[in-house]
């Protein structure tokens, strides 16, 4: 250090001493701002565009949410004079609208293709739990293993939480809580293996030929089905008053927290929703299944692998409603 100063002017010596001293110190950590995630500067990144990856970015790193699909908004029109234009705007890979009482198909697109269905799986989970006759008021304890799922979004139910089977069923259906679904499967007589077998047996009984389940949450890509099969599941679910009630609850209070329904259409004045379930993973895309009452008809609505803006699955549900409403009205005024 002294040799450097002897050979250098005083100013250069001072700079040299500061530089050498800095080499021995750890580099200070720069505090990350709430929106430091690369989605804010590089919105074209795949994770930033839509769906599950975008929600992870928002939840974990504070990324800005993408704009909502206009047709998913509260003020979106529910009728159209141009159904062909609505069809062109649909963003989902597989769709089906079917009258569950008459079996009449009102709209279909690639309805027989089997694909991952994400948390739509929880409808079958609920069907098995409800039909098992297990006491809904029985207290169950969430284990640490119930939280160890492949989801990148955190569970809101800590290990050690004690809730009734009814509470857990509410949270699994309305709020799509993976930990709740896993706890319900684990506590089934015979454990998780017996529960998964019961889910697959129920699928066989409902003649769901393109369907297979490997776990109760929907996080596995091995949980697959087709829109055609999911109408059969929706029909069965619509016959269980508990599933109707639990899946369409707008919000629910449990474990000192308030959980909200993942379907933004639930609770809207112009929607009579009898059964509801959403699902999202990277591979499945955004999914939505419902039974709605429209013009006095009970219609199963299935939307799988929706792409595009935030809420595109709900936008597609609105667009499908416009399309089938025009079909129903046309049939009503057509001469016999």
C-alpha atoms as a PDB file:
ATOM      1  CA  UNK A   1       0.000   0.000   0.000  1.00  0.00           C
ATOM      2  CA  UNK A   2       2.879   2.366   0.958  1.00  0.00           C
ATOM      3  CA  UNK A   3       4.710   1.693  -2.297  1.00  0.00           C
ATOM      4  CA  UNK A   4       1.637   2.702  -4.273  1.00  0.00           C
ATOM      5  CA  UNK A   5       1.354   6.000  -2.409  1.00  0.00           C
ATOM      6  CA  UNK A   6       5.073   6.792  -2.820  1.00  0.00           C
ATOM      7  CA  UNK A   7       4.787   6.424  -6.557  1.00  0.00           C
ATOM      8  CA  UNK A   8       1.513   8.300  -6.960  1.00  0.00           C
ATOM      9  CA  UNK A   9       0.167  11.797  -6.366  1.00  0.00           C
ATOM     10  CA  UNK A  10      -1.920  12.234  -3.218  1.00  0.00           C
ATOM     11  CA  UNK A  11      -5.295  12.098  -5.034  1.00  0.00           C
ATOM     12  CA  UNK A  12      -4.442   8.880  -6.870  1.00  0.00           C
ATOM     13  CA  UNK A  13      -3.129   7.411  -3.644  1.00  0.00           C
ATOM     14  CA  UNK A  14      -6.456   8.028  -1.929  1.00  0.00           C
ATOM     15  CA  UNK A  15      -8.379   6.381  -4.770  1.00  0.00           C
ATOM     16  CA  UNK A  16      -6.051   3.394  -4.708  1.00  0.00           C
ATOM     17  CA  UNK A  17      -6.487   2.957  -0.963  1.00  0.00           C
ATOM     18  CA  UNK A  18     -10.294   3.061  -1.275  1.00  0.00           C
ATOM     19  CA  UNK A  19     -10.253   0.528  -4.125  1.00  0.00           C
ATOM     20  CA  UNK A  20      -7.986  -1.905  -2.281  1.00  0.00           C
ATOM     21  CA  UNK A  21     -10.084  -1.590   0.897  1.00  0.00           C
ATOM     22  CA  UNK A  22     -13.256  -2.322  -1.067  1.00  0.00           C
ATOM     23  CA  UNK A  23     -11.790  -5.599  -2.315  1.00  0.00           C
ATOM     24  CA  UNK A  24     -11.794  -6.926   1.208  1.00  0.00           C
ATOM     25  CA  UNK A  25     -15.438  -6.096   1.917  1.00  0.00           C
ATOM     26  CA  UNK A  26     -18.560  -8.010   0.827  1.00  0.00           C
ATOM     27  CA  UNK A  27     -20.556  -6.325  -1.919  1.00  0.00           C
ATOM     28  CA  UNK A  28     -23.541  -4.591  -0.339  1.00  0.00           C
ATOM     29  CA  UNK A  29     -26.888  -6.193  -1.243  1.00  0.00           C
ATOM     30  CA  UNK A  30     -29.169  -3.839  -3.130  1.00  0.00           C
ATOM     31  CA  UNK A  31     -32.687  -3.932  -1.737  1.00  0.00           C
ATOM     32  CA  UNK A  32     -35.181  -5.341  -4.248  1.00  0.00           C
ATOM     33  CA  UNK A  33     -38.124  -3.118  -5.013  1.00  0.00           C
ATOM     34  CA  UNK A  34     -41.582  -4.720  -4.807  1.00  0.00           C
ATOM     35  CA  UNK A  35     -41.830  -4.956  -8.601  1.00  0.00           C
ATOM     36  CA  UNK A  36     -38.336  -6.117  -9.480  1.00  0.00           C
ATOM     37  CA  UNK A  37     -39.522  -9.234 -11.332  1.00  0.00           C
ATOM     38  CA  UNK A  38     -38.415  -9.315 -15.006  1.00  0.00           C
ATOM     39  CA  UNK A  39     -42.061  -9.393 -16.105  1.00  0.00           C
ATOM     40  CA  UNK A  40     -42.163  -5.668 -15.469  1.00  0.00           C
ATOM     41  CA  UNK A  41     -39.393  -4.922 -17.949  1.00  0.00           C
ATOM     42  CA  UNK A  42     -39.818  -7.941 -20.250  1.00  0.00           C
ATOM     43  CA  UNK A  43     -43.547  -8.632 -20.517  1.00  0.00           C
ATOM     44  CA  UNK A  44     -42.971 -10.886 -23.529  1.00  0.00           C
ATOM     45  CA  UNK A  45     -41.382 -13.597 -21.371  1.00  0.00           C
ATOM     46  CA  UNK A  46     -43.545 -16.767 -21.420  1.00  0.00           C
ATOM     47  CA  UNK A  47     -44.064 -16.659 -17.645  1.00  0.00           C
ATOM     48  CA  UNK A  48     -45.394 -13.123 -17.914  1.00  0.00           C
ATOM     49  CA  UNK A  49     -48.093 -13.617 -20.506  1.00  0.00           C
ATOM     50  CA  UNK A  50     -50.983 -15.376 -18.825  1.00  0.00           C
ATOM     51  CA  UNK A  51     -52.276 -18.097 -16.586  1.00  0.00           C
ATOM     52  CA  UNK A  52     -50.541 -19.946 -13.817  1.00  0.00           C
ATOM     53  CA  UNK A  53     -47.053 -18.628 -14.507  1.00  0.00           C
ATOM     54  CA  UNK A  54     -48.278 -15.045 -14.431  1.00  0.00           C
ATOM     55  CA  UNK A  55     -50.079 -15.619 -11.144  1.00  0.00           C
ATOM     56  CA  UNK A  56     -46.875 -17.024  -9.662  1.00  0.00           C
ATOM     57  CA  UNK A  57     -45.010 -13.937 -10.839  1.00  0.00           C
ATOM     58  CA  UNK A  58     -47.599 -11.650  -9.272  1.00  0.00           C
ATOM     59  CA  UNK A  59     -47.770 -13.546  -5.986  1.00  0.00           C
ATOM     60  CA  UNK A  60     -44.078 -14.203  -5.484  1.00  0.00           C
ATOM     61  CA  UNK A  61     -42.356 -11.226  -7.085  1.00  0.00           C
ATOM     62  CA  UNK A  62     -44.950  -8.491  -7.288  1.00  0.00           C
ATOM     63  CA  UNK A  63     -45.189  -8.492 -11.082  1.00  0.00           C
ATOM     64  CA  UNK A  64     -47.914  -6.299 -12.520  1.00  0.00           C
ATOM     65  CA  UNK A  65     -51.094  -8.212 -13.453  1.00  0.00           C
ATOM     66  CA  UNK A  66     -52.036  -8.251 -17.101  1.00  0.00           C
ATOM     67  CA  UNK A  67     -55.239  -6.508 -18.238  1.00  0.00           C
ATOM     68  CA  UNK A  68     -58.492  -8.364 -17.660  1.00  0.00           C
ATOM     69  CA  UNK A  69     -60.252  -9.855 -20.679  1.00  0.00           C
ATOM     70  CA  UNK A  70     -62.963  -7.248 -21.401  1.00  0.00           C
ATOM     71  CA  UNK A  71     -65.628  -9.929 -21.777  1.00  0.00           C
ATOM     72  CA  UNK A  72     -64.897 -11.163 -18.246  1.00  0.00           C
ATOM     73  CA  UNK A  73     -65.814  -7.786 -16.759  1.00  0.00           C
ATOM     74  CA  UNK A  74     -68.979  -7.178 -14.775  1.00  0.00           C
ATOM     75  CA  UNK A  75     -70.377  -4.848 -17.445  1.00  0.00           C
ATOM     76  CA  UNK A  76     -69.793  -7.261 -20.339  1.00  0.00           C
ATOM     77  CA  UNK A  77     -72.864  -7.719 -22.538  1.00  0.00           C
ATOM     78  CA  UNK A  78     -74.559 -11.121 -22.259  1.00  0.00           C
ATOM     79  CA  UNK A  79     -76.312 -11.021 -25.641  1.00  0.00           C
ATOM     80  CA  UNK A  80     -75.155 -10.631 -29.221  1.00  0.00           C
ATOM     81  CA  UNK A  81     -76.597 -10.141 -32.670  1.00  0.00           C
ATOM     82  CA  UNK A  82     -73.509 -11.638 -34.298  1.00  0.00           C
ATOM     83  CA  UNK A  83     -72.712 -15.088 -32.824  1.00  0.00           C
ATOM     84  CA  UNK A  84     -70.201 -15.805 -35.608  1.00  0.00           C
ATOM     85  CA  UNK A  85     -68.061 -12.901 -34.427  1.00  0.00           C
ATOM     86  CA  UNK A  86     -68.193 -14.282 -30.884  1.00  0.00           C
ATOM     87  CA  UNK A  87     -67.010 -17.691 -32.071  1.00  0.00           C
ATOM     88  CA  UNK A  88     -63.953 -16.086 -33.658  1.00  0.00           C
ATOM     89  CA  UNK A  89     -63.047 -14.476 -30.315  1.00  0.00           C
ATOM     90  CA  UNK A  90     -63.032 -17.732 -28.312  1.00  0.00           C
ATOM     91  CA  UNK A  91     -59.630 -18.446 -26.771  1.00  0.00           C
ATOM     92  CA  UNK A  92     -59.965 -21.987 -25.383  1.00  0.00           C
ATOM     93  CA  UNK A  93     -58.764 -25.220 -26.958  1.00  0.00           C
ATOM     94  CA  UNK A  94     -61.718 -27.400 -25.913  1.00  0.00           C
ATOM     95  CA  UNK A  95     -65.258 -26.227 -25.189  1.00  0.00           C
ATOM     96  CA  UNK A  96     -68.674 -27.739 -24.772  1.00  0.00           C
ATOM     97  CA  UNK A  97     -72.094 -26.400 -23.856  1.00  0.00           C
ATOM     98  CA  UNK A  98     -74.714 -29.072 -23.355  1.00  0.00           C
ATOM     99  CA  UNK A  99     -78.217 -29.240 -21.894  1.00  0.00           C
ATOM    100  CA  UNK A 100     -77.748 -31.755 -19.076  1.00  0.00           C
ATOM    101  CA  UNK A 101     -81.434 -32.662 -19.007  1.00  0.00           C
ATOM    102  CA  UNK A 102     -82.047 -33.273 -22.710  1.00  0.00           C
ATOM    103  CA  UNK A 103     -78.462 -34.040 -23.772  1.00  0.00           C
ATOM    104  CA  UNK A 104     -78.673 -31.468 -26.586  1.00  0.00           C
ATOM    105  CA  UNK A 105     -75.298 -30.028 -27.552  1.00  0.00           C
ATOM    106  CA  UNK A 106     -75.463 -26.281 -28.170  1.00  0.00           C
ATOM    107  CA  UNK A 107     -71.781 -25.675 -28.887  1.00  0.00           C
ATOM    108  CA  UNK A 108     -68.705 -27.882 -29.162  1.00  0.00           C
ATOM    109  CA  UNK A 109     -65.048 -27.529 -30.083  1.00  0.00           C
ATOM    110  CA  UNK A 110     -62.612 -30.450 -29.760  1.00  0.00           C
ATOM    111  CA  UNK A 111     -64.810 -31.806 -26.984  1.00  0.00           C
ATOM    112  CA  UNK A 112     -63.481 -35.375 -27.178  1.00  0.00           C
ATOM    113  CA  UNK A 113     -59.779 -34.545 -26.802  1.00  0.00           C
ATOM    114  CA  UNK A 114     -58.359 -35.728 -23.493  1.00  0.00           C
ATOM    115  CA  UNK A 115     -56.092 -33.176 -21.777  1.00  0.00           C
ATOM    116  CA  UNK A 116     -54.890 -32.160 -18.279  1.00  0.00           C
ATOM    117  CA  UNK A 117     -57.735 -30.634 -16.268  1.00  0.00           C
ATOM    118  CA  UNK A 118     -55.923 -29.087 -13.265  1.00  0.00           C
ATOM    119  CA  UNK A 119     -58.203 -28.400 -10.277  1.00  0.00           C
ATOM    120  CA  UNK A 120     -61.346 -29.456 -12.118  1.00  0.00           C
ATOM    121  CA  UNK A 121     -60.150 -32.726 -10.542  1.00  0.00           C
ATOM    122  CA  UNK A 122     -61.523 -31.456  -7.224  1.00  0.00           C
ATOM    123  CA  UNK A 123     -65.083 -31.957  -8.459  1.00  0.00           C
ATOM    124  CA  UNK A 124     -64.460 -35.697  -8.606  1.00  0.00           C
ATOM    125  CA  UNK A 125     -62.689 -35.494  -5.248  1.00  0.00           C
ATOM    126  CA  UNK A 126     -65.820 -33.856  -3.807  1.00  0.00           C
ATOM    127  CA  UNK A 127     -68.100 -36.445  -5.379  1.00  0.00           C
ATOM    128  CA  UNK A 128     -66.158 -39.251  -3.703  1.00  0.00           C
ATOM    129  CA  UNK A 129     -66.156 -37.487  -0.312  1.00  0.00           C
ATOM    130  CA  UNK A 130     -69.877 -36.673  -0.412  1.00  0.00           C
ATOM    131  CA  UNK A 131     -70.893 -40.148  -1.582  1.00  0.00           C
ATOM    132  CA  UNK A 132     -68.685 -41.845   1.032  1.00  0.00           C
ATOM    133  CA  UNK A 133     -71.061 -40.864   3.817  1.00  0.00           C
ATOM    134  CA  UNK A 134     -68.143 -39.864   6.054  1.00  0.00           C
ATOM    135  CA  UNK A 135     -69.218 -37.434   8.811  1.00  0.00           C
ATOM    136  CA  UNK A 136     -68.863 -33.874   7.592  1.00  0.00           C
ATOM    137  CA  UNK A 137     -68.462 -32.543  11.129  1.00  0.00           C
ATOM    138  CA  UNK A 138     -65.461 -34.783  11.891  1.00  0.00           C
ATOM    139  CA  UNK A 139     -62.378 -32.736  12.778  1.00  0.00           C
ATOM    140  CA  UNK A 140     -59.325 -33.352  10.593  1.00  0.00           C
ATOM    141  CA  UNK A 141     -55.785 -32.065  11.095  1.00  0.00           C
ATOM    142  CA  UNK A 142     -53.680 -30.686   8.249  1.00  0.00           C
ATOM    143  CA  UNK A 143     -50.277 -32.422   8.167  1.00  0.00           C
ATOM    144  CA  UNK A 144     -47.050 -30.956   6.824  1.00  0.00           C
ATOM    145  CA  UNK A 145     -47.130 -33.529   4.018  1.00  0.00           C
ATOM    146  CA  UNK A 146     -50.522 -32.200   2.902  1.00  0.00           C
ATOM    147  CA  UNK A 147     -48.820 -28.885   2.090  1.00  0.00           C
ATOM    148  CA  UNK A 148     -45.992 -30.465   0.096  1.00  0.00           C
ATOM    149  CA  UNK A 149     -47.580 -30.194  -3.323  1.00  0.00           C
ATOM    150  CA  UNK A 150     -46.032 -29.212  -6.638  1.00  0.00           C
ATOM    151  CA  UNK A 151     -47.899 -25.902  -6.618  1.00  0.00           C
ATOM    152  CA  UNK A 152     -45.698 -22.805  -6.878  1.00  0.00           C
ATOM    153  CA  UNK A 153     -48.364 -20.787  -5.081  1.00  0.00           C
ATOM    154  CA  UNK A 154     -48.354 -21.017  -1.277  1.00  0.00           C
ATOM    155  CA  UNK A 155     -51.108 -22.734   0.688  1.00  0.00           C
ATOM    156  CA  UNK A 156     -52.984 -20.627   3.212  1.00  0.00           C
ATOM    157  CA  UNK A 157     -53.533 -23.582   5.557  1.00  0.00           C
ATOM    158  CA  UNK A 158     -50.553 -24.124   7.896  1.00  0.00           C
ATOM    159  CA  UNK A 159     -49.660 -27.561   9.231  1.00  0.00           C
ATOM    160  CA  UNK A 160     -51.554 -28.267  12.435  1.00  0.00           C
ATOM    161  CA  UNK A 161     -54.739 -26.505  11.305  1.00  0.00           C
ATOM    162  CA  UNK A 162     -57.799 -28.372  12.566  1.00  0.00           C
ATOM    163  CA  UNK A 163     -60.946 -28.068  10.448  1.00  0.00           C
ATOM    164  CA  UNK A 164     -64.066 -30.119   9.875  1.00  0.00           C
ATOM    165  CA  UNK A 165     -64.410 -32.265   6.784  1.00  0.00           C
ATOM    166  CA  UNK A 166     -67.136 -29.814   5.733  1.00  0.00           C
ATOM    167  CA  UNK A 167     -64.760 -26.842   6.054  1.00  0.00           C
ATOM    168  CA  UNK A 168     -62.092 -28.580   4.010  1.00  0.00           C
ATOM    169  CA  UNK A 169     -64.608 -29.492   1.320  1.00  0.00           C
ATOM    170  CA  UNK A 170     -65.748 -25.872   1.110  1.00  0.00           C
ATOM    171  CA  UNK A 171     -62.167 -24.632   0.764  1.00  0.00           C
ATOM    172  CA  UNK A 172     -61.256 -27.248  -1.844  1.00  0.00           C
ATOM    173  CA  UNK A 173     -64.268 -26.447  -4.026  1.00  0.00           C
ATOM    174  CA  UNK A 174     -64.775 -22.694  -3.648  1.00  0.00           C
ATOM    175  CA  UNK A 175     -61.198 -21.520  -3.036  1.00  0.00           C
ATOM    176  CA  UNK A 176     -59.481 -24.479  -4.756  1.00  0.00           C
ATOM    177  CA  UNK A 177     -57.227 -25.080  -1.723  1.00  0.00           C
ATOM    178  CA  UNK A 178     -54.830 -27.898  -2.639  1.00  0.00           C
ATOM    179  CA  UNK A 179     -53.913 -28.609   0.978  1.00  0.00           C
ATOM    180  CA  UNK A 180     -57.594 -29.087   1.825  1.00  0.00           C
ATOM    181  CA  UNK A 181     -58.059 -31.536  -1.058  1.00  0.00           C
ATOM    182  CA  UNK A 182     -54.962 -33.482  -0.068  1.00  0.00           C
ATOM    183  CA  UNK A 183     -56.116 -33.703   3.547  1.00  0.00           C
ATOM    184  CA  UNK A 184     -59.491 -35.053   2.443  1.00  0.00           C
ATOM    185  CA  UNK A 185     -57.804 -37.720   0.318  1.00  0.00           C
ATOM    186  CA  UNK A 186     -55.330 -38.742   3.005  1.00  0.00           C
ATOM    187  CA  UNK A 187     -58.040 -39.174   5.658  1.00  0.00           C
ATOM    188  CA  UNK A 188     -60.261 -41.360   3.453  1.00  0.00           C
ATOM    189  CA  UNK A 189     -60.658 -44.935   4.727  1.00  0.00           C
ATOM    190  CA  UNK A 190     -57.678 -46.835   3.314  1.00  0.00           C
ATOM    191  CA  UNK A 191     -55.689 -43.647   2.763  1.00  0.00           C
ATOM    192  CA  UNK A 192     -54.711 -41.846  -0.420  1.00  0.00           C
ATOM    193  CA  UNK A 193     -54.314 -44.974  -2.550  1.00  0.00           C
ATOM    194  CA  UNK A 194     -57.878 -46.053  -1.776  1.00  0.00           C
ATOM    195  CA  UNK A 195     -59.135 -42.521  -2.425  1.00  0.00           C
ATOM    196  CA  UNK A 196     -57.567 -42.347  -5.891  1.00  0.00           C
ATOM    197  CA  UNK A 197     -58.992 -45.783  -6.683  1.00  0.00           C
ATOM    198  CA  UNK A 198     -62.433 -44.529  -5.626  1.00  0.00           C
ATOM    199  CA  UNK A 199     -62.066 -41.503  -7.926  1.00  0.00           C
ATOM    200  CA  UNK A 200     -61.219 -43.693 -10.900  1.00  0.00           C
ATOM    201  CA  UNK A 201     -63.996 -46.157 -10.068  1.00  0.00           C
ATOM    202  CA  UNK A 202     -66.447 -43.287  -9.962  1.00  0.00           C
ATOM    203  CA  UNK A 203     -65.239 -42.145 -13.378  1.00  0.00           C
ATOM    204  CA  UNK A 204     -65.892 -45.640 -14.748  1.00  0.00           C
ATOM    205  CA  UNK A 205     -69.368 -45.670 -13.186  1.00  0.00           C
ATOM    206  CA  UNK A 206     -70.135 -42.344 -14.897  1.00  0.00           C
ATOM    207  CA  UNK A 207     -68.869 -43.731 -18.243  1.00  0.00           C
ATOM    208  CA  UNK A 208     -66.058 -41.171 -18.366  1.00  0.00           C
ATOM    209  CA  UNK A 209     -63.946 -43.120 -20.854  1.00  0.00           C
ATOM    210  CA  UNK A 210     -61.311 -40.448 -21.514  1.00  0.00           C
ATOM    211  CA  UNK A 211     -60.646 -39.738 -17.837  1.00  0.00           C
ATOM    212  CA  UNK A 212     -57.949 -40.781 -15.373  1.00  0.00           C
ATOM    213  CA  UNK A 213     -56.959 -39.513 -11.920  1.00  0.00           C
ATOM    214  CA  UNK A 214     -53.653 -39.923 -10.082  1.00  0.00           C
ATOM    215  CA  UNK A 215     -54.177 -37.562  -7.113  1.00  0.00           C
ATOM    216  CA  UNK A 216     -56.961 -35.349  -5.681  1.00  0.00           C
ATOM    217  CA  UNK A 217     -55.701 -31.778  -6.219  1.00  0.00           C
ATOM    218  CA  UNK A 218     -55.281 -31.564  -9.993  1.00  0.00           C
ATOM    219  CA  UNK A 219     -51.641 -30.505  -9.862  1.00  0.00           C
ATOM    220  CA  UNK A 220     -50.539 -33.667 -11.663  1.00  0.00           C
ATOM    221  CA  UNK A 221     -50.677 -33.665 -15.463  1.00  0.00           C
ATOM    222  CA  UNK A 222     -51.755 -37.297 -15.211  1.00  0.00           C
ATOM    223  CA  UNK A 223     -55.212 -36.104 -14.203  1.00  0.00           C
ATOM    224  CA  UNK A 224     -56.820 -35.971 -17.623  1.00  0.00           C
ATOM    225  CA  UNK A 225     -60.296 -35.782 -19.101  1.00  0.00           C
ATOM    226  CA  UNK A 226     -62.258 -34.460 -22.064  1.00  0.00           C
ATOM    227  CA  UNK A 227     -64.985 -31.847 -22.220  1.00  0.00           C
ATOM    228  CA  UNK A 228     -67.473 -34.591 -23.082  1.00  0.00           C
ATOM    229  CA  UNK A 229     -66.543 -36.551 -19.962  1.00  0.00           C
ATOM    230  CA  UNK A 230     -66.597 -33.460 -17.764  1.00  0.00           C
ATOM    231  CA  UNK A 231     -70.236 -32.822 -18.688  1.00  0.00           C
ATOM    232  CA  UNK A 232     -70.997 -36.218 -17.151  1.00  0.00           C
ATOM    233  CA  UNK A 233     -69.113 -35.217 -14.009  1.00  0.00           C
ATOM    234  CA  UNK A 234     -70.963 -31.889 -13.883  1.00  0.00           C
ATOM    235  CA  UNK A 235     -74.304 -33.649 -14.223  1.00  0.00           C
ATOM    236  CA  UNK A 236     -73.461 -35.952 -11.318  1.00  0.00           C
ATOM    237  CA  UNK A 237     -72.205 -33.034  -9.216  1.00  0.00           C
ATOM    238  CA  UNK A 238     -75.383 -31.051  -9.911  1.00  0.00           C
ATOM    239  CA  UNK A 239     -77.402 -33.831  -8.266  1.00  0.00           C
ATOM    240  CA  UNK A 240     -75.530 -33.381  -4.968  1.00  0.00           C
ATOM    241  CA  UNK A 241     -76.923 -30.356  -3.096  1.00  0.00           C
ATOM    242  CA  UNK A 242     -73.771 -30.106  -0.959  1.00  0.00           C
ATOM    243  CA  UNK A 243     -71.545 -29.753  -4.020  1.00  0.00           C
ATOM    244  CA  UNK A 244     -73.921 -27.192  -5.477  1.00  0.00           C
ATOM    245  CA  UNK A 245     -73.804 -25.168  -2.279  1.00  0.00           C
ATOM    246  CA  UNK A 246     -70.097 -25.507  -1.528  1.00  0.00           C
ATOM    247  CA  UNK A 247     -68.840 -24.829  -5.059  1.00  0.00           C
ATOM    248  CA  UNK A 248     -70.900 -21.656  -5.500  1.00  0.00           C
ATOM    249  CA  UNK A 249     -70.167 -20.029  -2.130  1.00  0.00           C
ATOM    250  CA  UNK A 250     -68.921 -16.486  -2.815  1.00  0.00           C
ATOM    251  CA  UNK A 251     -66.671 -16.395   0.244  1.00  0.00           C
ATOM    252  CA  UNK A 252     -66.040 -18.587   3.258  1.00  0.00           C
ATOM    253  CA  UNK A 253     -64.428 -17.956   6.620  1.00  0.00           C
ATOM    254  CA  UNK A 254     -62.214 -20.674   8.102  1.00  0.00           C
ATOM    255  CA  UNK A 255     -58.924 -20.914  10.012  1.00  0.00           C
ATOM    256  CA  UNK A 256     -59.263 -17.209  10.938  1.00  0.00           C
ATOM    257  CA  UNK A 257     -59.130 -16.256   7.265  1.00  0.00           C
ATOM    258  CA  UNK A 258     -61.583 -15.344   4.520  1.00  0.00           C
ATOM    259  CA  UNK A 259     -61.367 -17.421   1.347  1.00  0.00           C
ATOM    260  CA  UNK A 260     -63.025 -16.273  -1.884  1.00  0.00           C
ATOM    261  CA  UNK A 261     -64.429 -18.231  -4.779  1.00  0.00           C
ATOM    262  CA  UNK A 262     -61.987 -18.554  -7.669  1.00  0.00           C
ATOM    263  CA  UNK A 263     -64.794 -18.094 -10.216  1.00  0.00           C
ATOM    264  CA  UNK A 264     -65.301 -14.359 -10.737  1.00  0.00           C
ATOM    265  CA  UNK A 265     -68.747 -14.997 -12.274  1.00  0.00           C
ATOM    266  CA  UNK A 266     -70.108 -16.397  -8.995  1.00  0.00           C
ATOM    267  CA  UNK A 267     -72.310 -13.858  -7.254  1.00  0.00           C
ATOM    268  CA  UNK A 268     -73.098 -11.774 -10.334  1.00  0.00           C
ATOM    269  CA  UNK A 269     -76.760 -10.864 -10.510  1.00  0.00           C
ATOM    270  CA  UNK A 270     -77.359 -12.084 -14.055  1.00  0.00           C
ATOM    271  CA  UNK A 271     -75.718 -15.459 -13.530  1.00  0.00           C
ATOM    272  CA  UNK A 272     -77.527 -18.405 -11.961  1.00  0.00           C
ATOM    273  CA  UNK A 273     -74.647 -20.789 -11.338  1.00  0.00           C
ATOM    274  CA  UNK A 274     -75.570 -24.177  -9.885  1.00  0.00           C
ATOM    275  CA  UNK A 275     -72.116 -25.817  -9.874  1.00  0.00           C
ATOM    276  CA  UNK A 276     -68.702 -24.223 -10.365  1.00  0.00           C
ATOM    277  CA  UNK A 277     -65.043 -25.190 -10.466  1.00  0.00           C
ATOM    278  CA  UNK A 278     -61.926 -23.547 -11.847  1.00  0.00           C
ATOM    279  CA  UNK A 279     -58.508 -25.015 -12.557  1.00  0.00           C
ATOM    280  CA  UNK A 280     -55.112 -23.723 -13.638  1.00  0.00           C
ATOM    281  CA  UNK A 281     -51.668 -25.202 -14.235  1.00  0.00           C
ATOM    282  CA  UNK A 282     -49.032 -24.370 -16.826  1.00  0.00           C
ATOM    283  CA  UNK A 283     -49.878 -27.473 -18.878  1.00  0.00           C
ATOM    284  CA  UNK A 284     -53.659 -27.406 -18.472  1.00  0.00           C
ATOM    285  CA  UNK A 285     -53.967 -23.668 -19.029  1.00  0.00           C
ATOM    286  CA  UNK A 286     -56.934 -21.881 -17.491  1.00  0.00           C
ATOM    287  CA  UNK A 287     -59.985 -24.121 -17.119  1.00  0.00           C
ATOM    288  CA  UNK A 288     -63.573 -23.555 -16.014  1.00  0.00           C
ATOM    289  CA  UNK A 289     -66.597 -25.827 -15.658  1.00  0.00           C
ATOM    290  CA  UNK A 290     -70.073 -24.771 -14.557  1.00  0.00           C
ATOM    291  CA  UNK A 291     -73.695 -25.737 -14.577  1.00  0.00           C
ATOM    292  CA  UNK A 292     -75.796 -22.636 -15.204  1.00  0.00           C
ATOM    293  CA  UNK A 293     -79.498 -22.065 -15.583  1.00  0.00           C
ATOM    294  CA  UNK A 294     -80.190 -20.088 -18.744  1.00  0.00           C
ATOM    295  CA  UNK A 295     -83.666 -19.425 -20.086  1.00  0.00           C
ATOM    296  CA  UNK A 296     -84.988 -22.190 -17.845  1.00  0.00           C
ATOM    297  CA  UNK A 297     -82.446 -24.741 -19.118  1.00  0.00           C
ATOM    298  CA  UNK A 298     -79.690 -26.354 -17.074  1.00  0.00           C
ATOM    299  CA  UNK A 299     -76.556 -26.065 -19.196  1.00  0.00           C
ATOM    300  CA  UNK A 300     -73.151 -27.616 -18.567  1.00  0.00           C
ATOM    301  CA  UNK A 301     -70.381 -25.252 -19.686  1.00  0.00           C
ATOM    302  CA  UNK A 302     -66.838 -26.606 -20.109  1.00  0.00           C
ATOM    303  CA  UNK A 303     -63.858 -24.414 -21.014  1.00  0.00           C
ATOM    304  CA  UNK A 304     -60.405 -26.051 -21.160  1.00  0.00           C
ATOM    305  CA  UNK A 305     -56.962 -24.594 -21.861  1.00  0.00           C
ATOM    306  CA  UNK A 306     -57.991 -20.963 -22.224  1.00  0.00           C
ATOM    307  CA  UNK A 307     -55.193 -18.693 -23.414  1.00  0.00           C
ATOM    308  CA  UNK A 308     -54.731 -14.960 -23.651  1.00  0.00           C
ATOM    309  CA  UNK A 309     -55.420 -12.247 -21.128  1.00  0.00           C
ATOM    310  CA  UNK A 310     -56.186 -12.674 -17.458  1.00  0.00           C
ATOM    311  CA  UNK A 311     -59.703 -14.008 -17.096  1.00  0.00           C
ATOM    312  CA  UNK A 312     -59.924 -15.401 -20.627  1.00  0.00           C
ATOM    313  CA  UNK A 313     -61.735 -18.522 -19.355  1.00  0.00           C
ATOM    314  CA  UNK A 314     -64.447 -16.281 -17.876  1.00  0.00           C
ATOM    315  CA  UNK A 315     -64.461 -14.195 -21.044  1.00  0.00           C
ATOM    316  CA  UNK A 316     -65.016 -17.391 -23.028  1.00  0.00           C
ATOM    317  CA  UNK A 317     -67.869 -18.358 -20.700  1.00  0.00           C
ATOM    318  CA  UNK A 318     -69.494 -14.990 -21.435  1.00  0.00           C
ATOM    319  CA  UNK A 319     -68.892 -15.413 -25.162  1.00  0.00           C
ATOM    320  CA  UNK A 320     -70.358 -18.927 -25.073  1.00  0.00           C
ATOM    321  CA  UNK A 321     -73.381 -17.593 -23.244  1.00  0.00           C
ATOM    322  CA  UNK A 322     -73.891 -15.000 -25.984  1.00  0.00           C
ATOM    323  CA  UNK A 323     -73.574 -17.684 -28.657  1.00  0.00           C
ATOM    324  CA  UNK A 324     -75.969 -20.197 -27.108  1.00  0.00           C
ATOM    325  CA  UNK A 325     -78.420 -17.472 -26.028  1.00  0.00           C
ATOM    326  CA  UNK A 326     -78.799 -16.450 -29.652  1.00  0.00           C
ATOM    327  CA  UNK A 327     -79.308 -20.111 -30.573  1.00  0.00           C
ATOM    328  CA  UNK A 328     -81.970 -20.589 -27.908  1.00  0.00           C
ATOM    329  CA  UNK A 329     -83.776 -17.390 -28.906  1.00  0.00           C
ATOM    330  CA  UNK A 330     -83.674 -18.348 -32.598  1.00  0.00           C
ATOM    331  CA  UNK A 331     -85.125 -21.777 -31.805  1.00  0.00           C
ATOM    332  CA  UNK A 332     -87.843 -20.173 -29.683  1.00  0.00           C
ATOM    333  CA  UNK A 333     -89.117 -17.968 -32.544  1.00  0.00           C
ATOM    334  CA  UNK A 334     -88.638 -20.483 -35.373  1.00  0.00           C
ATOM    335  CA  UNK A 335     -91.890 -21.800 -36.887  1.00  0.00           C
ATOM    336  CA  UNK A 336     -92.589 -25.484 -36.323  1.00  0.00           C
END
